[in-house]
Amino acid sequence: MGDFTVNFEALEQCRTELSGQAGPMAAAADGLPAGVSAGSFGDLDGAAGLADAVNAFSEAVGVEIDKAGERLTQVGVAVEAVIDSVRGTDQHNVRCLTPA
């Protein structure tokens, strides 16, 4: 493993990007329509069914967007753990190789 190198700058940038996307991803669901009524579609014969479908779709999309935001946060935490672990291992190895 002598040729093993880690680009900490790239890992930090990845973690920063992930952290920066989690909030906007979660906020993306805020603009979804909720509580759409049949009256929103005027006098269409299927207005009630259409309103129900829009509400169900919006709810399902909101759930998926929330999951995506959570995953982004989890991946960011995992990348940070990798960074910390590799840095800790490097520091330990330096201490072991440094004469007393």
PDB file of N, CA and C in Angstrom:
ATOM      1  N   MET A   1       0.820  -1.198   0.000  1.00  0.00           N
ATOM      2  CA  MET A   1       0.000   0.000   0.000  1.00  0.00           C
ATOM      3  C   MET A   1       0.861   1.257   0.000  1.00  0.00           C
ATOM      4  N   GLY A   2       2.103   1.124  -0.373  1.00  0.00           N
ATOM      5  CA  GLY A   2       2.981   2.268  -0.397  1.00  0.00           C
ATOM      6  C   GLY A   2       2.562   3.307  -1.425  1.00  0.00           C
ATOM      7  N   ASP A   3       1.861   2.891  -2.454  1.00  0.00           N
ATOM      8  CA  ASP A   3       1.423   3.820  -3.501  1.00  0.00           C
ATOM      9  C   ASP A   3       0.041   4.395  -3.230  1.00  0.00           C
ATOM     10  N   PHE A   4      -0.506   4.109  -2.095  1.00  0.00           N
ATOM     11  CA  PHE A   4      -1.852   4.582  -1.747  1.00  0.00           C
ATOM     12  C   PHE A   4      -1.793   6.044  -1.332  1.00  0.00           C
ATOM     13  N   THR A   5      -2.495   6.895  -2.073  1.00  0.00           N
ATOM     14  CA  THR A   5      -2.561   8.313  -1.717  1.00  0.00           C
ATOM     15  C   THR A   5      -4.021   8.740  -1.670  1.00  0.00           C
ATOM     16  N   VAL A   6      -4.288   9.706  -0.855  1.00  0.00           N
ATOM     17  CA  VAL A   6      -5.648  10.214  -0.698  1.00  0.00           C
ATOM     18  C   VAL A   6      -5.638  11.700  -1.017  1.00  0.00           C
ATOM     19  N   ASN A   7      -6.546  12.104  -1.866  1.00  0.00           N
ATOM     20  CA  ASN A   7      -6.680  13.517  -2.206  1.00  0.00           C
ATOM     21  C   ASN A   7      -7.687  14.122  -1.228  1.00  0.00           C
ATOM     22  N   PHE A   8      -7.172  14.637  -0.116  1.00  0.00           N
ATOM     23  CA  PHE A   8      -8.046  15.192   0.917  1.00  0.00           C
ATOM     24  C   PHE A   8      -8.830  16.390   0.408  1.00  0.00           C
ATOM     25  N   GLU A   9      -8.209  17.165  -0.453  1.00  0.00           N
ATOM     26  CA  GLU A   9      -8.901  18.337  -0.998  1.00  0.00           C
ATOM     27  C   GLU A   9     -10.142  17.905  -1.783  1.00  0.00           C
ATOM     28  N   ALA A  10     -10.011  16.849  -2.575  1.00  0.00           N
ATOM     29  CA  ALA A  10     -11.154  16.355  -3.347  1.00  0.00           C
ATOM     30  C   ALA A  10     -12.237  15.804  -2.423  1.00  0.00           C
ATOM     31  N   LEU A  11     -11.827  15.088  -1.387  1.00  0.00           N
ATOM     32  CA  LEU A  11     -12.803  14.560  -0.434  1.00  0.00           C
ATOM     33  C   LEU A  11     -13.521  15.685   0.301  1.00  0.00           C
ATOM     34  N   GLU A  12     -12.775  16.700   0.704  1.00  0.00           N
ATOM     35  CA  GLU A  12     -13.386  17.848   1.389  1.00  0.00           C
ATOM     36  C   GLU A  12     -14.360  18.573   0.462  1.00  0.00           C
ATOM     37  N   GLN A  13     -13.970  18.715  -0.798  1.00  0.00           N
ATOM     38  CA  GLN A  13     -14.856  19.375  -1.759  1.00  0.00           C
ATOM     39  C   GLN A  13     -16.130  18.556  -1.959  1.00  0.00           C
ATOM     40  N   CYS A  14     -15.987  17.254  -2.029  1.00  0.00           N
ATOM     41  CA  CYS A  14     -17.149  16.370  -2.161  1.00  0.00           C
ATOM     42  C   CYS A  14     -18.072  16.521  -0.957  1.00  0.00           C
ATOM     43  N   ARG A  15     -17.488  16.504   0.235  1.00  0.00           N
ATOM     44  CA  ARG A  15     -18.290  16.648   1.452  1.00  0.00           C
ATOM     45  C   ARG A  15     -18.994  17.997   1.485  1.00  0.00           C
ATOM     46  N   THR A  16     -18.295  19.042   1.106  1.00  0.00           N
ATOM     47  CA  THR A  16     -18.878  20.383   1.094  1.00  0.00           C
ATOM     48  C   THR A  16     -20.033  20.468   0.101  1.00  0.00           C
ATOM     49  N   GLU A  17     -19.833  19.900  -1.080  1.00  0.00           N
ATOM     50  CA  GLU A  17     -20.892  19.919  -2.098  1.00  0.00           C
ATOM     51  C   GLU A  17     -22.123  19.144  -1.617  1.00  0.00           C
ATOM     52  N   LEU A  18     -21.893  17.998  -1.011  1.00  0.00           N
ATOM     53  CA  LEU A  18     -23.009  17.202  -0.496  1.00  0.00           C
ATOM     54  C   LEU A  18     -23.770  17.967   0.576  1.00  0.00           C
ATOM     55  N   SER A  19     -23.033  18.562   1.492  1.00  0.00           N
ATOM     56  CA  SER A  19     -23.674  19.324   2.563  1.00  0.00           C
ATOM     57  C   SER A  19     -24.446  20.509   2.009  1.00  0.00           C
ATOM     58  N   GLY A  20     -23.905  21.119   0.968  1.00  0.00           N
ATOM     59  CA  GLY A  20     -24.564  22.274   0.368  1.00  0.00           C
ATOM     60  C   GLY A  20     -25.811  21.932  -0.417  1.00  0.00           C
ATOM     61  N   GLN A  21     -25.950  20.679  -0.814  1.00  0.00           N
ATOM     62  CA  GLN A  21     -27.117  20.274  -1.600  1.00  0.00           C
ATOM     63  C   GLN A  21     -28.245  19.710  -0.743  1.00  0.00           C
ATOM     64  N   ALA A  22     -27.950  19.273   0.450  1.00  0.00           N
ATOM     65  CA  ALA A  22     -28.971  18.646   1.296  1.00  0.00           C
ATOM     66  C   ALA A  22     -30.107  19.612   1.620  1.00  0.00           C
ATOM     67  N   GLY A  23     -29.786  20.830   1.999  1.00  0.00           N
ATOM     68  CA  GLY A  23     -30.820  21.817   2.339  1.00  0.00           C
ATOM     69  C   GLY A  23     -31.704  22.178   1.159  1.00  0.00           C
ATOM     70  N   PRO A  24     -31.097  22.567   0.021  1.00  0.00           N
ATOM     71  CA  PRO A  24     -31.922  22.885  -1.151  1.00  0.00           C
ATOM     72  C   PRO A  24     -32.769  21.706  -1.623  1.00  0.00           C
ATOM     73  N   MET A  25     -32.240  20.497  -1.484  1.00  0.00           N
ATOM     74  CA  MET A  25     -33.025  19.329  -1.895  1.00  0.00           C
ATOM     75  C   MET A  25     -34.259  19.206  -1.014  1.00  0.00           C
ATOM     76  N   ALA A  26     -34.087  19.343   0.282  1.00  0.00           N
ATOM     77  CA  ALA A  26     -35.222  19.253   1.202  1.00  0.00           C
ATOM     78  C   ALA A  26     -36.224  20.364   0.933  1.00  0.00           C
ATOM     79  N   ALA A  27     -35.737  21.551   0.597  1.00  0.00           N
ATOM     80  CA  ALA A  27     -36.626  22.688   0.341  1.00  0.00           C
ATOM     81  C   ALA A  27     -37.370  22.553  -0.983  1.00  0.00           C
ATOM     82  N   ALA A  28     -36.886  21.687  -1.864  1.00  0.00           N
ATOM     83  CA  ALA A  28     -37.530  21.523  -3.167  1.00  0.00           C
ATOM     84  C   ALA A  28     -38.971  21.038  -3.035  1.00  0.00           C
ATOM     85  N   ALA A  29     -39.264  20.321  -1.980  1.00  0.00           N
ATOM     86  CA  ALA A  29     -40.621  19.809  -1.781  1.00  0.00           C
ATOM     87  C   ALA A  29     -41.579  20.887  -1.290  1.00  0.00           C
ATOM     88  N   ASP A  30     -41.039  21.990  -0.809  1.00  0.00           N
ATOM     89  CA  ASP A  30     -41.893  23.038  -0.246  1.00  0.00           C
ATOM     90  C   ASP A  30     -42.840  23.653  -1.269  1.00  0.00           C
ATOM     91  N   GLY A  31     -42.454  23.662  -2.531  1.00  0.00           N
ATOM     92  CA  GLY A  31     -43.282  24.295  -3.551  1.00  0.00           C
ATOM     93  C   GLY A  31     -44.297  23.372  -4.199  1.00  0.00           C
ATOM     94  N   LEU A  32     -44.356  22.136  -3.749  1.00  0.00           N
ATOM     95  CA  LEU A  32     -45.314  21.201  -4.345  1.00  0.00           C
ATOM     96  C   LEU A  32     -46.738  21.549  -3.923  1.00  0.00           C
ATOM     97  N   PRO A  33     -47.688  21.360  -4.840  1.00  0.00           N
ATOM     98  CA  PRO A  33     -49.079  21.654  -4.480  1.00  0.00           C
ATOM     99  C   PRO A  33     -49.586  20.679  -3.414  1.00  0.00           C
ATOM    100  N   ALA A  34     -50.360  21.189  -2.491  1.00  0.00           N
ATOM    101  CA  ALA A  34     -50.938  20.353  -1.434  1.00  0.00           C
ATOM    102  C   ALA A  34     -52.386  20.776  -1.232  1.00  0.00           C
ATOM    103  N   GLY A  35     -53.222  19.830  -0.981  1.00  0.00           N
ATOM    104  CA  GLY A  35     -54.626  20.138  -0.726  1.00  0.00           C
ATOM    105  C   GLY A  35     -55.345  20.707  -1.934  1.00  0.00           C
ATOM    106  N   VAL A  36     -55.002  20.204  -3.116  1.00  0.00           N
ATOM    107  CA  VAL A  36     -55.656  20.671  -4.337  1.00  0.00           C
ATOM    108  C   VAL A  36     -57.105  20.197  -4.319  1.00  0.00           C
ATOM    109  N   SER A  37     -58.015  21.102  -4.571  1.00  0.00           N
ATOM    110  CA  SER A  37     -59.441  20.746  -4.564  1.00  0.00           C
ATOM    111  C   SER A  37     -59.936  20.544  -5.992  1.00  0.00           C
ATOM    112  N   ALA A  38     -61.075  19.873  -6.103  1.00  0.00           N
ATOM    113  CA  ALA A  38     -61.679  19.638  -7.416  1.00  0.00           C
ATOM    114  C   ALA A  38     -61.984  20.955  -8.114  1.00  0.00           C
ATOM    115  N   GLY A  39     -62.319  21.974  -7.344  1.00  0.00           N
ATOM    116  CA  GLY A  39     -62.632  23.278  -7.916  1.00  0.00           C
ATOM    117  C   GLY A  39     -61.459  23.900  -8.662  1.00  0.00           C
ATOM    118  N   SER A  40     -60.262  23.438  -8.374  1.00  0.00           N
ATOM    119  CA  SER A  40     -59.083  23.954  -9.069  1.00  0.00           C
ATOM    120  C   SER A  40     -59.120  23.643 -10.556  1.00  0.00           C
ATOM    121  N   PHE A  41     -59.914  22.640 -10.921  1.00  0.00           N
ATOM    122  CA  PHE A  41     -59.980  22.210 -12.318  1.00  0.00           C
ATOM    123  C   PHE A  41     -61.296  22.602 -12.982  1.00  0.00           C
ATOM    124  N   GLY A  42     -62.003  23.489 -12.340  1.00  0.00           N
ATOM    125  CA  GLY A  42     -63.246  23.995 -12.942  1.00  0.00           C
ATOM    126  C   GLY A  42     -64.341  22.956 -12.956  1.00  0.00           C
ATOM    127  N   ASP A  43     -65.066  22.922 -14.051  1.00  0.00           N
ATOM    128  CA  ASP A  43     -66.234  22.043 -14.166  1.00  0.00           C
ATOM    129  C   ASP A  43     -65.925  20.735 -14.881  1.00  0.00           C
ATOM    130  N   LEU A  44     -64.711  20.308 -14.893  1.00  0.00           N
ATOM    131  CA  LEU A  44     -64.366  19.049 -15.547  1.00  0.00           C
ATOM    132  C   LEU A  44     -65.064  17.889 -14.851  1.00  0.00           C
ATOM    133  N   ASP A  45     -65.514  16.928 -15.650  1.00  0.00           N
ATOM    134  CA  ASP A  45     -66.205  15.767 -15.080  1.00  0.00           C
ATOM    135  C   ASP A  45     -65.315  14.984 -14.113  1.00  0.00           C
ATOM    136  N   GLY A  46     -64.065  14.865 -14.415  1.00  0.00           N
ATOM    137  CA  GLY A  46     -63.157  14.091 -13.572  1.00  0.00           C
ATOM    138  C   GLY A  46     -62.349  14.950 -12.619  1.00  0.00           C
ATOM    139  N   ALA A  47     -62.844  16.137 -12.279  1.00  0.00           N
ATOM    140  CA  ALA A  47     -62.077  17.075 -11.457  1.00  0.00           C
ATOM    141  C   ALA A  47     -61.704  16.489 -10.095  1.00  0.00           C
ATOM    142  N   ALA A  48     -62.635  15.794  -9.462  1.00  0.00           N
ATOM    143  CA  ALA A  48     -62.349  15.230  -8.135  1.00  0.00           C
ATOM    144  C   ALA A  48     -61.247  14.178  -8.225  1.00  0.00           C
ATOM    145  N   GLY A  49     -61.342  13.311  -9.213  1.00  0.00           N
ATOM    146  CA  GLY A  49     -60.316  12.281  -9.396  1.00  0.00           C
ATOM    147  C   GLY A  49     -58.964  12.881  -9.742  1.00  0.00           C
ATOM    148  N   LEU A  50     -58.992  13.917 -10.570  1.00  0.00           N
ATOM    149  CA  LEU A  50     -57.752  14.585 -10.947  1.00  0.00           C
ATOM    150  C   LEU A  50     -57.110  15.265  -9.731  1.00  0.00           C
ATOM    151  N   ALA A  51     -57.926  15.908  -8.918  1.00  0.00           N
ATOM    152  CA  ALA A  51     -57.411  16.557  -7.707  1.00  0.00           C
ATOM    153  C   ALA A  51     -56.806  15.518  -6.760  1.00  0.00           C
ATOM    154  N   ASP A  52     -57.487  14.389  -6.610  1.00  0.00           N
ATOM    155  CA  ASP A  52     -56.954  13.321  -5.758  1.00  0.00           C
ATOM    156  C   ASP A  52     -55.617  12.809  -6.295  1.00  0.00           C
ATOM    157  N   ALA A  53     -55.535  12.666  -7.616  1.00  0.00           N
ATOM    158  CA  ALA A  53     -54.298  12.179  -8.234  1.00  0.00           C
ATOM    159  C   ALA A  53     -53.158  13.180  -8.039  1.00  0.00           C
ATOM    160  N   VAL A  54     -53.454  14.461  -8.209  1.00  0.00           N
ATOM    161  CA  VAL A  54     -52.431  15.495  -8.015  1.00  0.00           C
ATOM    162  C   VAL A  54     -51.953  15.487  -6.567  1.00  0.00           C
ATOM    163  N   ASN A  55     -52.866  15.373  -5.625  1.00  0.00           N
ATOM    164  CA  ASN A  55     -52.492  15.352  -4.209  1.00  0.00           C
ATOM    165  C   ASN A  55     -51.647  14.125  -3.875  1.00  0.00           C
ATOM    166  N   ALA A  56     -52.036  12.963  -4.402  1.00  0.00           N
ATOM    167  CA  ALA A  56     -51.276  11.739  -4.147  1.00  0.00           C
ATOM    168  C   ALA A  56     -49.881  11.834  -4.764  1.00  0.00           C
ATOM    169  N   PHE A  57     -49.826  12.363  -5.981  1.00  0.00           N
ATOM    170  CA  PHE A  57     -48.539  12.519  -6.654  1.00  0.00           C
ATOM    171  C   PHE A  57     -47.634  13.481  -5.885  1.00  0.00           C
ATOM    172  N   SER A  58     -48.178  14.603  -5.476  1.00  0.00           N
ATOM    173  CA  SER A  58     -47.395  15.597  -4.731  1.00  0.00           C
ATOM    174  C   SER A  58     -46.867  15.014  -3.431  1.00  0.00           C
ATOM    175  N   GLU A  59     -47.701  14.249  -2.758  1.00  0.00           N
ATOM    176  CA  GLU A  59     -47.269  13.634  -1.503  1.00  0.00           C
ATOM    177  C   GLU A  59     -46.146  12.628  -1.751  1.00  0.00           C
ATOM    178  N   ALA A  60     -46.306  11.799  -2.788  1.00  0.00           N
ATOM    179  CA  ALA A  60     -45.283  10.796  -3.098  1.00  0.00           C
ATOM    180  C   ALA A  60     -43.961  11.455  -3.495  1.00  0.00           C
ATOM    181  N   VAL A  61     -44.037  12.491  -4.307  1.00  0.00           N
ATOM    182  CA  VAL A  61     -42.823  13.202  -4.714  1.00  0.00           C
ATOM    183  C   VAL A  61     -42.166  13.855  -3.496  1.00  0.00           C
ATOM    184  N   GLY A  62     -42.967  14.430  -2.619  1.00  0.00           N
ATOM    185  CA  GLY A  62     -42.432  15.047  -1.404  1.00  0.00           C
ATOM    186  C   GLY A  62     -41.687  14.051  -0.539  1.00  0.00           C
ATOM    187  N   VAL A  63     -42.241  12.851  -0.408  1.00  0.00           N
ATOM    188  CA  VAL A  63     -41.585  11.800   0.382  1.00  0.00           C
ATOM    189  C   VAL A  63     -40.240  11.436  -0.250  1.00  0.00           C
ATOM    190  N   GLU A  64     -40.219  11.287  -1.567  1.00  0.00           N
ATOM    191  CA  GLU A  64     -38.976  10.926  -2.250  1.00  0.00           C
ATOM    192  C   GLU A  64     -37.934  12.039  -2.159  1.00  0.00           C
ATOM    193  N   ILE A  65     -38.362  13.278  -2.267  1.00  0.00           N
ATOM    194  CA  ILE A  65     -37.435  14.403  -2.137  1.00  0.00           C
ATOM    195  C   ILE A  65     -36.858  14.446  -0.726  1.00  0.00           C
ATOM    196  N   ASP A  66     -37.695  14.202   0.272  1.00  0.00           N
ATOM    197  CA  ASP A  66     -37.203  14.163   1.655  1.00  0.00           C
ATOM    198  C   ASP A  66     -36.163  13.058   1.834  1.00  0.00           C
ATOM    199  N   LYS A  67     -36.431  11.892   1.243  1.00  0.00           N
ATOM    200  CA  LYS A  67     -35.475  10.785   1.325  1.00  0.00           C
ATOM    201  C   LYS A  67     -34.157  11.159   0.655  1.00  0.00           C
ATOM    202  N   ALA A  68     -34.243  11.820  -0.486  1.00  0.00           N
ATOM    203  CA  ALA A  68     -33.026  12.230  -1.195  1.00  0.00           C
ATOM    204  C   ALA A  68     -32.210  13.201  -0.346  1.00  0.00           C
ATOM    205  N   GLY A  69     -32.876  14.145   0.306  1.00  0.00           N
ATOM    206  CA  GLY A  69     -32.180  15.082   1.188  1.00  0.00           C
ATOM    207  C   GLY A  69     -31.497  14.368   2.342  1.00  0.00           C
ATOM    208  N   GLU A  70     -32.194  13.379   2.912  1.00  0.00           N
ATOM    209  CA  GLU A  70     -31.610  12.597   4.006  1.00  0.00           C
ATOM    210  C   GLU A  70     -30.391  11.813   3.527  1.00  0.00           C
ATOM    211  N   ARG A  71     -30.488  11.248   2.331  1.00  0.00           N
ATOM    212  CA  ARG A  71     -29.364  10.471   1.787  1.00  0.00           C
ATOM    213  C   ARG A  71     -28.148  11.367   1.538  1.00  0.00           C
ATOM    214  N   LEU A  72     -28.391  12.555   1.019  1.00  0.00           N
ATOM    215  CA  LEU A  72     -27.284  13.486   0.807  1.00  0.00           C
ATOM    216  C   LEU A  72     -26.582  13.798   2.126  1.00  0.00           C
ATOM    217  N   THR A  73     -27.367  14.014   3.163  1.00  0.00           N
ATOM    218  CA  THR A  73     -26.794  14.283   4.484  1.00  0.00           C
ATOM    219  C   THR A  73     -25.993  13.080   4.973  1.00  0.00           C
ATOM    220  N   GLN A  74     -26.554  11.885   4.819  1.00  0.00           N
ATOM    221  CA  GLN A  74     -25.875  10.671   5.269  1.00  0.00           C
ATOM    222  C   GLN A  74     -24.564  10.440   4.520  1.00  0.00           C
ATOM    223  N   VAL A  75     -24.583  10.679   3.218  1.00  0.00           N
ATOM    224  CA  VAL A  75     -23.360  10.488   2.435  1.00  0.00           C
ATOM    225  C   VAL A  75     -22.308  11.518   2.844  1.00  0.00           C
ATOM    226  N   GLY A  76     -22.738  12.744   3.099  1.00  0.00           N
ATOM    227  CA  GLY A  76     -21.804  13.770   3.563  1.00  0.00           C
ATOM    228  C   GLY A  76     -21.150  13.382   4.874  1.00  0.00           C
ATOM    229  N   VAL A  77     -21.937  12.836   5.789  1.00  0.00           N
ATOM    230  CA  VAL A  77     -21.402  12.373   7.077  1.00  0.00           C
ATOM    231  C   VAL A  77     -20.436  11.206   6.855  1.00  0.00           C
ATOM    232  N   ALA A  78     -20.777  10.307   5.939  1.00  0.00           N
ATOM    233  CA  ALA A  78     -19.907   9.165   5.653  1.00  0.00           C
ATOM    234  C   ALA A  78     -18.576   9.618   5.049  1.00  0.00           C
ATOM    235  N   VAL A  79     -18.624  10.574   4.136  1.00  0.00           N
ATOM    236  CA  VAL A  79     -17.382  11.091   3.543  1.00  0.00           C
ATOM    237  C   VAL A  79     -16.526  11.748   4.622  1.00  0.00           C
ATOM    238  N   GLU A  80     -17.156  12.483   5.517  1.00  0.00           N
ATOM    239  CA  GLU A  80     -16.412  13.103   6.616  1.00  0.00           C
ATOM    240  C   GLU A  80     -15.763  12.037   7.502  1.00  0.00           C
ATOM    241  N   ALA A  81     -16.470  10.937   7.736  1.00  0.00           N
ATOM    242  CA  ALA A  81     -15.909   9.846   8.542  1.00  0.00           C
ATOM    243  C   ALA A  81     -14.701   9.223   7.844  1.00  0.00           C
ATOM    244  N   VAL A  82     -14.772   9.090   6.527  1.00  0.00           N
ATOM    245  CA  VAL A  82     -13.633   8.560   5.771  1.00  0.00           C
ATOM    246  C   VAL A  82     -12.434   9.498   5.909  1.00  0.00           C
ATOM    247  N   ILE A  83     -12.684  10.784   5.741  1.00  0.00           N
ATOM    248  CA  ILE A  83     -11.606  11.773   5.868  1.00  0.00           C
ATOM    249  C   ILE A  83     -10.960  11.675   7.249  1.00  0.00           C
ATOM    250  N   ASP A  84     -11.783  11.664   8.288  1.00  0.00           N
ATOM    251  CA  ASP A  84     -11.267  11.598   9.659  1.00  0.00           C
ATOM    252  C   ASP A  84     -10.483  10.310   9.902  1.00  0.00           C
ATOM    253  N   SER A  85     -11.000   9.200   9.390  1.00  0.00           N
ATOM    254  CA  SER A  85     -10.354   7.911   9.593  1.00  0.00           C
ATOM    255  C   SER A  85      -8.994   7.851   8.899  1.00  0.00           C
ATOM    256  N   VAL A  86      -8.951   8.297   7.657  1.00  0.00           N
ATOM    257  CA  VAL A  86      -7.686   8.254   6.919  1.00  0.00           C
ATOM    258  C   VAL A  86      -6.670   9.213   7.539  1.00  0.00           C
ATOM    259  N   ARG A  87      -7.121  10.393   7.911  1.00  0.00           N
ATOM    260  CA  ARG A  87      -6.200  11.343   8.567  1.00  0.00           C
ATOM    261  C   ARG A  87      -5.672  10.765   9.884  1.00  0.00           C
ATOM    262  N   GLY A  88      -6.575  10.158  10.655  1.00  0.00           N
ATOM    263  CA  GLY A  88      -6.157   9.553  11.920  1.00  0.00           C
ATOM    264  C   GLY A  88      -5.147   8.444  11.710  1.00  0.00           C
ATOM    265  N   THR A  89      -5.374   7.626  10.694  1.00  0.00           N
ATOM    266  CA  THR A  89      -4.439   6.545  10.386  1.00  0.00           C
ATOM    267  C   THR A  89      -3.092   7.109   9.952  1.00  0.00           C
ATOM    268  N   ASP A  90      -3.128   8.131   9.114  1.00  0.00           N
ATOM    269  CA  ASP A  90      -1.879   8.769   8.679  1.00  0.00           C
ATOM    270  C   ASP A  90      -1.106   9.329   9.869  1.00  0.00           C
ATOM    271  N   GLN A  91      -1.797  10.006  10.766  1.00  0.00           N
ATOM    272  CA  GLN A  91      -1.137  10.594  11.939  1.00  0.00           C
ATOM    273  C   GLN A  91      -0.547   9.508  12.836  1.00  0.00           C
ATOM    274  N   HIS A  92      -1.288   8.421  12.991  1.00  0.00           N
ATOM    275  CA  HIS A  92      -0.799   7.304  13.801  1.00  0.00           C
ATOM    276  C   HIS A  92       0.460   6.712  13.169  1.00  0.00           C
ATOM    277  N   ASN A  93       0.432   6.531  11.857  1.00  0.00           N
ATOM    278  CA  ASN A  93       1.592   5.961  11.169  1.00  0.00           C
ATOM    279  C   ASN A  93       2.813   6.869  11.289  1.00  0.00           C
ATOM    280  N   VAL A  94       2.610   8.159  11.213  1.00  0.00           N
ATOM    281  CA  VAL A  94       3.725   9.099  11.371  1.00  0.00           C
ATOM    282  C   VAL A  94       4.309   8.978  12.774  1.00  0.00           C
ATOM    283  N   ARG A  95       3.440   8.887  13.780  1.00  0.00           N
ATOM    284  CA  ARG A  95       3.924   8.753  15.163  1.00  0.00           C
ATOM    285  C   ARG A  95       4.709   7.448  15.339  1.00  0.00           C
ATOM    286  N   CYS A  96       4.237   6.391  14.693  1.00  0.00           N
ATOM    287  CA  CYS A  96       4.920   5.096  14.819  1.00  0.00           C
ATOM    288  C   CYS A  96       6.287   5.105  14.133  1.00  0.00           C
ATOM    289  N   LEU A  97       6.419   5.895  13.089  1.00  0.00           N
ATOM    290  CA  LEU A  97       7.671   5.929  12.334  1.00  0.00           C
ATOM    291  C   LEU A  97       8.646   6.992  12.835  1.00  0.00           C
ATOM    292  N   THR A  98       8.184   7.843  13.741  1.00  0.00           N
ATOM    293  CA  THR A  98       9.036   8.904  14.278  1.00  0.00           C
ATOM    294  C   THR A  98       9.852   8.346  15.439  1.00  0.00           C
ATOM    295  N   PRO A  99      11.174   8.509  15.378  1.00  0.00           N
ATOM    296  CA  PRO A  99      12.002   7.999  16.484  1.00  0.00           C
ATOM    297  C   PRO A  99      11.675   8.716  17.791  1.00  0.00           C
ATOM    298  N   ALA A 100      11.739   7.964  18.863  1.00  0.00           N
ATOM    299  CA  ALA A 100      11.422   8.524  20.185  1.00  0.00           C
ATOM    300  C   ALA A 100      12.512   9.376  20.731  1.00  0.00           C
TER     301      ALA A 100
END
